[in-house]
C-alpha cells in the first residue's frame, strides 16, 4: 500500500507548475490535466491539483489548491525524503 497526503496550498497553478520540478527531483514527469506523474525505478508518484476557493484576508485574495500526493513503491525513509524535498521546493522566504 502506498502513502497518501492531502495539502491545502496557497499557490496559483502557474507557480505550482514552475516550482514542481525542483520539488520532486530530477526524475522525468508528465502532466495530464490536473495530474502530474513521475517514476524512478520501482518508485512512482502522482500529484493531483484541484482549485479551491481563494482565501481572503481583508483586501488580500490568495489563490488556493488542494494538492493530493500519492507515493507507491517507496520505503519509509525514501517517502520521508520525497515529502521533505517537496515541502522545501515550495517554501518561500519573507522579509
N, C-alpha and C. Protein backbone atom coordinates (compact mmCIF):
# COMPACT_ATOMS: atom_id res chain seq x y z
N UNK A 1 0.83 -1.18 0.00
CA UNK A 1 0.00 0.00 0.00
C UNK A 1 0.88 1.25 0.00
N UNK A 2 0.47 2.25 -0.71
CA UNK A 2 1.24 3.47 -0.85
C UNK A 2 0.94 4.48 0.24
N UNK A 3 1.53 5.62 0.08
CA UNK A 3 1.38 6.74 1.02
C UNK A 3 0.56 7.82 0.34
N UNK A 4 -0.37 8.41 1.09
CA UNK A 4 -1.21 9.49 0.56
C UNK A 4 -1.16 10.67 1.53
N UNK A 5 -1.10 11.86 0.94
CA UNK A 5 -1.07 13.08 1.73
C UNK A 5 -1.88 14.14 0.99
N UNK A 6 -2.72 14.86 1.72
CA UNK A 6 -3.52 15.93 1.12
C UNK A 6 -3.13 17.25 1.78
N UNK A 7 -2.81 18.25 0.95
CA UNK A 7 -2.39 19.56 1.43
C UNK A 7 -3.30 20.64 0.87
N UNK A 8 -3.51 21.68 1.63
CA UNK A 8 -4.18 22.90 1.16
C UNK A 8 -3.07 23.92 0.97
N UNK A 9 -2.78 24.26 -0.29
CA UNK A 9 -1.65 25.14 -0.58
C UNK A 9 -2.13 26.47 -1.14
N UNK A 10 -1.57 27.55 -0.64
CA UNK A 10 -1.85 28.90 -1.16
C UNK A 10 -0.85 29.19 -2.27
N UNK A 11 -1.25 28.81 -3.49
CA UNK A 11 -0.37 28.98 -4.64
C UNK A 11 -1.24 28.94 -5.89
N UNK A 12 -0.84 29.68 -6.93
CA UNK A 12 -1.60 29.57 -8.18
C UNK A 12 -1.00 28.45 -9.02
N UNK A 13 -1.76 28.01 -10.00
CA UNK A 13 -1.34 26.84 -10.80
C UNK A 13 -0.03 27.09 -11.54
N UNK A 14 0.16 28.28 -12.09
CA UNK A 14 1.39 28.57 -12.83
C UNK A 14 2.61 28.47 -11.93
N UNK A 15 2.51 29.02 -10.72
CA UNK A 15 3.63 28.94 -9.78
C UNK A 15 3.86 27.49 -9.35
N UNK A 16 2.78 26.75 -9.13
CA UNK A 16 2.92 25.34 -8.76
C UNK A 16 3.67 24.58 -9.86
N UNK A 17 3.24 24.77 -11.07
CA UNK A 17 3.86 24.09 -12.22
C UNK A 17 5.34 24.47 -12.34
N UNK A 18 5.66 25.74 -12.12
CA UNK A 18 7.04 26.22 -12.24
C UNK A 18 7.95 25.63 -11.15
N UNK A 19 7.43 25.51 -9.93
CA UNK A 19 8.24 25.05 -8.80
C UNK A 19 8.28 23.53 -8.66
N UNK A 20 7.32 22.83 -9.25
CA UNK A 20 7.22 21.38 -9.05
C UNK A 20 8.47 20.61 -9.45
N UNK A 21 9.12 20.87 -10.59
CA UNK A 21 10.31 20.07 -10.93
C UNK A 21 11.38 20.08 -9.84
N UNK A 22 11.63 21.21 -9.23
CA UNK A 22 12.61 21.26 -8.15
C UNK A 22 12.14 20.57 -6.89
N UNK A 23 10.82 20.49 -6.72
CA UNK A 23 10.26 19.88 -5.52
C UNK A 23 10.21 18.35 -5.59
N UNK A 24 10.24 17.79 -6.80
CA UNK A 24 10.16 16.33 -6.94
C UNK A 24 11.48 15.70 -7.38
N UNK A 25 12.48 16.49 -7.63
CA UNK A 25 13.78 15.95 -8.02
C UNK A 25 13.94 15.85 -9.53
N UNK A 26 14.97 15.15 -9.94
CA UNK A 26 15.37 15.13 -11.34
C UNK A 26 14.60 14.13 -12.20
N UNK A 27 13.79 13.28 -11.61
CA UNK A 27 13.08 12.26 -12.40
C UNK A 27 12.13 12.94 -13.40
N UNK A 28 12.03 12.40 -14.61
CA UNK A 28 11.11 12.97 -15.59
C UNK A 28 9.67 12.91 -15.08
N UNK A 29 8.89 13.90 -15.47
CA UNK A 29 7.49 13.91 -15.06
C UNK A 29 6.62 14.25 -16.26
N UNK A 30 5.36 13.90 -16.15
CA UNK A 30 4.42 14.25 -17.20
C UNK A 30 3.18 14.88 -16.56
N UNK A 31 2.55 15.72 -17.34
CA UNK A 31 1.35 16.42 -16.88
C UNK A 31 0.17 15.92 -17.70
N UNK A 32 -0.89 15.53 -17.01
CA UNK A 32 -2.11 15.05 -17.64
C UNK A 32 -3.28 15.79 -17.01
N UNK A 33 -3.65 16.94 -17.58
CA UNK A 33 -4.72 17.74 -16.99
C UNK A 33 -4.29 18.29 -15.65
N UNK A 34 -5.03 17.93 -14.60
CA UNK A 34 -4.72 18.39 -13.24
C UNK A 34 -3.83 17.42 -12.47
N UNK A 35 -3.23 16.47 -13.17
CA UNK A 35 -2.41 15.45 -12.53
C UNK A 35 -0.98 15.50 -13.08
N UNK A 36 -0.03 15.38 -12.16
CA UNK A 36 1.39 15.30 -12.52
C UNK A 36 1.87 13.94 -12.03
N UNK A 37 2.63 13.23 -12.87
CA UNK A 37 3.10 11.88 -12.53
C UNK A 37 4.59 11.76 -12.81
N UNK A 38 5.22 10.90 -12.06
CA UNK A 38 6.62 10.62 -12.30
C UNK A 38 6.99 9.25 -11.77
N UNK A 39 8.09 8.71 -12.26
CA UNK A 39 8.56 7.40 -11.82
C UNK A 39 10.07 7.37 -11.88
N UNK A 40 10.62 6.60 -10.97
CA UNK A 40 12.07 6.38 -10.94
C UNK A 40 12.29 4.98 -10.39
N UNK A 41 12.63 4.05 -11.26
CA UNK A 41 12.78 2.66 -10.84
C UNK A 41 11.46 2.11 -10.33
N UNK A 42 11.44 1.55 -9.13
CA UNK A 42 10.23 0.97 -8.55
C UNK A 42 9.31 2.02 -7.93
N UNK A 43 9.81 3.24 -7.80
CA UNK A 43 9.05 4.30 -7.13
C UNK A 43 8.22 5.10 -8.13
N UNK A 44 6.98 5.34 -7.76
CA UNK A 44 6.07 6.14 -8.59
C UNK A 44 5.35 7.15 -7.73
N UNK A 45 5.19 8.34 -8.27
CA UNK A 45 4.43 9.37 -7.55
C UNK A 45 3.38 9.97 -8.48
N UNK A 46 2.31 10.46 -7.85
CA UNK A 46 1.21 11.09 -8.58
C UNK A 46 0.72 12.25 -7.72
N UNK A 47 0.57 13.42 -8.34
CA UNK A 47 0.11 14.60 -7.62
C UNK A 47 -1.08 15.17 -8.36
N UNK A 48 -2.22 15.24 -7.67
CA UNK A 48 -3.46 15.79 -8.22
C UNK A 48 -3.63 17.20 -7.65
N UNK A 49 -3.89 18.18 -8.52
CA UNK A 49 -4.04 19.57 -8.12
C UNK A 49 -5.47 20.01 -8.42
N UNK A 50 -6.21 20.41 -7.38
CA UNK A 50 -7.60 20.80 -7.53
C UNK A 50 -7.79 22.23 -7.05
N UNK A 51 -8.32 23.12 -7.90
CA UNK A 51 -8.54 24.50 -7.46
C UNK A 51 -9.55 24.56 -6.31
N UNK A 52 -9.30 25.45 -5.38
CA UNK A 52 -10.22 25.73 -4.26
C UNK A 52 -10.57 27.21 -4.29
N UNK A 53 -11.59 27.58 -3.54
CA UNK A 53 -11.95 28.99 -3.43
C UNK A 53 -10.78 29.76 -2.83
N UNK A 54 -10.56 30.97 -3.32
CA UNK A 54 -9.45 31.77 -2.79
C UNK A 54 -9.68 32.09 -1.33
N UNK A 55 -8.58 32.32 -0.63
CA UNK A 55 -8.64 32.70 0.79
C UNK A 55 -8.51 34.21 0.85
N UNK A 56 -9.44 34.85 1.54
CA UNK A 56 -9.44 36.31 1.65
C UNK A 56 -8.99 36.72 3.04
N UNK A 57 -8.06 37.66 3.06
CA UNK A 57 -7.58 38.28 4.29
C UNK A 57 -7.71 39.78 4.07
N UNK A 58 -8.85 40.32 4.47
CA UNK A 58 -9.13 41.73 4.18
C UNK A 58 -9.24 41.91 2.68
N UNK A 59 -8.46 42.82 2.14
CA UNK A 59 -8.50 43.06 0.70
C UNK A 59 -7.55 42.12 -0.08
N UNK A 60 -6.81 41.30 0.63
CA UNK A 60 -5.87 40.37 0.00
C UNK A 60 -6.58 39.06 -0.34
N UNK A 61 -6.45 38.61 -1.57
CA UNK A 61 -7.02 37.34 -2.01
C UNK A 61 -5.89 36.39 -2.39
N UNK A 62 -5.84 35.24 -1.74
CA UNK A 62 -4.79 34.26 -2.01
C UNK A 62 -5.37 33.07 -2.77
N UNK A 63 -4.74 32.69 -3.89
CA UNK A 63 -5.20 31.50 -4.62
C UNK A 63 -4.93 30.26 -3.78
N UNK A 64 -5.77 29.25 -3.95
CA UNK A 64 -5.60 28.00 -3.18
C UNK A 64 -5.82 26.80 -4.08
N UNK A 65 -5.12 25.73 -3.74
CA UNK A 65 -5.31 24.44 -4.41
C UNK A 65 -5.21 23.31 -3.37
N UNK A 66 -6.02 22.30 -3.56
CA UNK A 66 -5.83 21.06 -2.80
C UNK A 66 -4.81 20.26 -3.61
N UNK A 67 -3.76 19.81 -2.95
CA UNK A 67 -2.70 19.05 -3.59
C UNK A 67 -2.66 17.68 -2.91
N UNK A 68 -3.00 16.66 -3.68
CA UNK A 68 -3.02 15.30 -3.15
C UNK A 68 -1.84 14.52 -3.73
N UNK A 69 -1.01 14.03 -2.84
CA UNK A 69 0.21 13.32 -3.23
C UNK A 69 0.03 11.83 -2.94
N UNK A 70 0.34 11.01 -3.92
CA UNK A 70 0.32 9.55 -3.75
C UNK A 70 1.70 9.02 -4.12
N UNK A 71 2.25 8.22 -3.22
CA UNK A 71 3.56 7.61 -3.45
C UNK A 71 3.40 6.09 -3.43
N UNK A 72 3.96 5.42 -4.42
CA UNK A 72 3.92 3.95 -4.50
C UNK A 72 5.35 3.44 -4.66
N UNK A 73 5.65 2.35 -3.96
CA UNK A 73 6.96 1.72 -4.10
C UNK A 73 8.07 2.37 -3.31
N UNK A 74 7.75 3.29 -2.43
CA UNK A 74 8.74 3.98 -1.62
C UNK A 74 8.92 3.29 -0.28
N UNK A 75 10.15 3.10 0.15
CA UNK A 75 10.42 2.70 1.52
C UNK A 75 10.12 3.91 2.40
N UNK A 76 9.95 3.68 3.69
CA UNK A 76 9.56 4.76 4.59
C UNK A 76 10.53 5.94 4.55
N UNK A 77 11.83 5.67 4.60
CA UNK A 77 12.81 6.76 4.59
C UNK A 77 12.83 7.48 3.23
N UNK A 78 12.57 6.74 2.14
CA UNK A 78 12.51 7.37 0.81
C UNK A 78 11.29 8.28 0.70
N UNK A 79 10.17 7.85 1.25
CA UNK A 79 8.96 8.67 1.23
C UNK A 79 9.16 9.93 2.05
N UNK A 80 9.78 9.79 3.22
CA UNK A 80 10.05 10.96 4.05
C UNK A 80 10.95 11.94 3.32
N UNK A 81 11.97 11.44 2.62
CA UNK A 81 12.87 12.32 1.87
C UNK A 81 12.14 13.00 0.72
N UNK A 82 11.27 12.26 0.00
CA UNK A 82 10.50 12.85 -1.09
C UNK A 82 9.63 13.99 -0.56
N UNK A 83 8.90 13.74 0.53
CA UNK A 83 7.99 14.76 1.07
C UNK A 83 8.76 15.95 1.64
N UNK A 84 9.91 15.71 2.26
CA UNK A 84 10.73 16.83 2.75
C UNK A 84 11.21 17.69 1.59
N UNK A 85 11.66 17.06 0.50
CA UNK A 85 12.09 17.81 -0.68
C UNK A 85 10.92 18.56 -1.29
N UNK A 86 9.74 17.93 -1.33
CA UNK A 86 8.55 18.58 -1.87
C UNK A 86 8.24 19.85 -1.07
N UNK A 87 8.21 19.74 0.24
CA UNK A 87 7.92 20.91 1.09
C UNK A 87 8.97 22.00 0.92
N UNK A 88 10.25 21.63 0.88
CA UNK A 88 11.32 22.62 0.67
C UNK A 88 11.17 23.33 -0.67
N UNK A 89 10.72 22.60 -1.67
CA UNK A 89 10.58 23.17 -3.00
C UNK A 89 9.55 24.27 -3.10
N UNK A 90 8.63 24.31 -2.12
CA UNK A 90 7.57 25.32 -2.15
C UNK A 90 7.69 26.35 -1.02
N UNK A 91 8.74 26.26 -0.21
CA UNK A 91 8.94 27.26 0.83
C UNK A 91 9.29 28.60 0.20
N UNK A 92 8.73 29.64 0.78
CA UNK A 92 9.04 30.99 0.29
C UNK A 92 9.60 31.81 1.44
N UNK A 93 10.60 32.58 1.12
CA UNK A 93 11.17 33.46 2.14
C UNK A 93 10.37 34.75 2.22
N UNK A 94 10.38 35.35 3.34
CA UNK A 94 9.69 36.63 3.52
C UNK A 94 10.69 37.68 3.96
N UNK A 95 10.19 38.85 4.05
CA UNK A 95 11.12 39.88 4.54
C UNK A 95 10.64 41.25 4.28
